[in-house]
Amino acid sequence: MRYKAVIHIDLEDETIFTLGLSNLTNTLDALKDEEKELILLVTGPGVALLAGDLMYLFMEKLRQIHGAGVRIQVCERALKLFEIPKEELFDGCEIIPAGVVGLIELQHGGFAYIKP
């Protein structure tokens, strides 16, 4: 079986983000010998957690999950709305044009939706 899941973060809430990162870490541990595709999708005000001072609170976990193959996707529309320059983001981020459209495409592609 191939496991596919997207963890969706849409609020600038450190507790929820920590829970989402823990969900990913636990999933990686549980499926260490399985074929998997995991995505952390960050939209809306949540994009602030991947830039500036807030990002440094989560840097170790972000590096860990990214290094384990988790893709980190960020909504470009939210970056513009909240005036966050792409250059300030965690290095492993992939910018996608619209987070909600990306989420629809992922779900259509068989990804389980996880909302911490």
Protein backbone atom coordinates (compact mmCIF):
# COMPACT_ATOMS: atom_id res chain seq x y z
CA MET A 1 0.00 0.00 0.00
CA ARG A 2 1.16 3.51 -0.76
CA TYR A 3 0.28 6.05 1.91
CA LYS A 4 -0.56 9.61 0.84
CA ALA A 5 -1.53 12.38 3.24
CA VAL A 6 -1.63 16.15 3.42
CA ILE A 7 -1.41 17.95 6.76
CA HIS A 8 -3.15 21.33 6.40
CA ILE A 9 -2.14 24.33 8.53
CA ASP A 10 -4.16 27.50 7.93
CA LEU A 11 -3.80 29.44 11.19
CA GLU A 12 -0.90 31.26 12.79
CA ASP A 13 -1.14 29.10 15.89
CA GLU A 14 2.06 27.65 17.34
CA THR A 15 0.22 24.89 19.22
CA ILE A 16 -1.59 23.66 16.10
CA PHE A 17 1.60 23.88 14.05
CA THR A 18 3.49 21.88 16.68
CA LEU A 19 0.74 19.26 16.60
CA GLY A 20 0.90 19.11 12.79
CA LEU A 21 4.66 18.63 12.88
CA SER A 22 4.23 15.91 15.50
CA ASN A 23 1.61 14.23 13.30
CA LEU A 24 4.15 14.15 10.50
CA THR A 25 6.98 12.88 12.70
CA ASN A 26 4.77 10.14 14.13
CA THR A 27 3.56 9.15 10.66
CA LEU A 28 7.13 8.96 9.39
CA ASP A 29 8.04 6.72 12.33
CA ALA A 30 4.99 4.48 11.92
CA LEU A 31 5.51 4.11 8.17
CA LYS A 32 9.31 3.99 8.08
CA ASP A 33 9.36 0.88 5.90
CA GLU A 34 6.34 1.81 3.79
CA GLU A 35 5.97 3.72 0.55
CA LYS A 36 4.60 7.15 1.40
CA GLU A 37 4.07 10.67 0.14
CA LEU A 38 3.48 13.28 2.81
CA ILE A 39 2.84 16.98 2.33
CA LEU A 40 2.65 19.84 4.81
CA LEU A 41 0.38 22.44 3.16
CA VAL A 42 0.41 25.90 4.74
CA THR A 43 -2.20 28.49 3.76
CA GLY A 44 -3.77 31.66 5.12
CA PRO A 45 -2.27 33.21 8.24
CA GLY A 46 -0.33 29.99 8.84
CA VAL A 47 2.30 31.10 6.32
CA ALA A 48 3.79 33.36 9.01
CA LEU A 49 4.98 30.23 10.83
CA LEU A 50 7.43 29.47 8.02
CA ALA A 51 9.15 32.86 7.97
CA GLY A 52 10.96 35.28 10.23
CA ASP A 53 11.37 34.73 13.95
CA LEU A 54 8.52 32.22 14.22
CA MET A 55 10.21 29.88 11.77
CA TYR A 56 13.23 29.54 14.05
CA LEU A 57 11.05 28.03 16.77
CA PHE A 58 10.31 25.14 14.41
CA MET A 59 13.56 24.96 12.42
CA GLU A 60 14.79 21.64 13.81
CA LYS A 61 11.47 19.84 13.16
CA LEU A 62 11.13 21.42 9.70
CA ARG A 63 14.61 20.24 8.74
CA GLN A 64 13.87 16.78 10.13
CA ILE A 65 10.61 16.24 8.23
CA HIS A 66 11.90 17.83 5.03
CA GLY A 67 15.01 15.66 5.19
CA ALA A 68 12.75 12.61 5.55
CA GLY A 69 10.98 13.49 2.31
CA VAL A 70 8.00 15.56 3.45
CA ARG A 71 7.15 18.24 0.90
CA ILE A 72 6.31 21.64 2.35
CA GLN A 73 3.92 23.60 0.16
CA VAL A 74 3.03 27.25 0.78
CA CYS A 75 0.23 29.31 -0.75
CA GLU A 76 1.57 32.20 -2.84
CA ARG A 77 -1.68 34.16 -2.45
CA ALA A 78 -1.34 34.04 1.34
CA LEU A 79 2.28 35.17 1.13
CA LYS A 80 1.18 38.21 -0.86
CA LEU A 81 -1.80 38.92 1.40
CA PHE A 82 0.32 38.82 4.56
CA GLU A 83 3.26 40.56 2.86
CA ILE A 84 5.77 37.78 3.51
CA PRO A 85 8.67 37.74 1.03
CA LYS A 86 9.44 34.31 -0.41
CA GLU A 87 13.09 34.83 0.53
CA GLU A 88 12.19 34.72 4.24
CA LEU A 89 10.64 31.24 4.05
CA PHE A 90 12.18 28.01 5.24
CA ASP A 91 14.50 26.84 2.45
CA GLY A 92 12.59 23.64 1.72
CA CYS A 93 9.30 25.34 0.85
CA GLU A 94 7.59 24.91 -2.51
CA ILE A 95 5.43 27.88 -3.50
CA ILE A 96 2.12 26.92 -5.09
CA PRO A 97 -0.20 29.50 -6.71
CA ALA A 98 -3.29 28.84 -4.56
CA GLY A 99 -3.32 26.62 -1.50
CA VAL A 100 -6.99 25.68 -1.69
CA VAL A 101 -6.66 24.65 -5.33
CA GLY A 102 -3.59 22.62 -4.39
CA LEU A 103 -5.58 20.95 -1.63
CA ILE A 104 -8.39 20.06 -4.04
CA GLU A 105 -5.86 18.56 -6.46
CA LEU A 106 -4.21 16.54 -3.68
CA GLN A 107 -7.53 15.17 -2.45
CA HIS A 108 -8.53 14.34 -6.01
CA GLY A 109 -5.19 12.49 -6.27
CA GLY A 110 -6.04 10.28 -3.32
CA PHE A 111 -4.36 12.17 -0.47
CA ALA A 112 -5.92 11.80 2.96
CA TYR A 113 -6.72 15.18 4.54
CA ILE A 114 -5.38 15.71 8.06
CA LYS A 115 -6.28 18.86 10.00
CA PRO A 116 -4.57 19.11 13.40
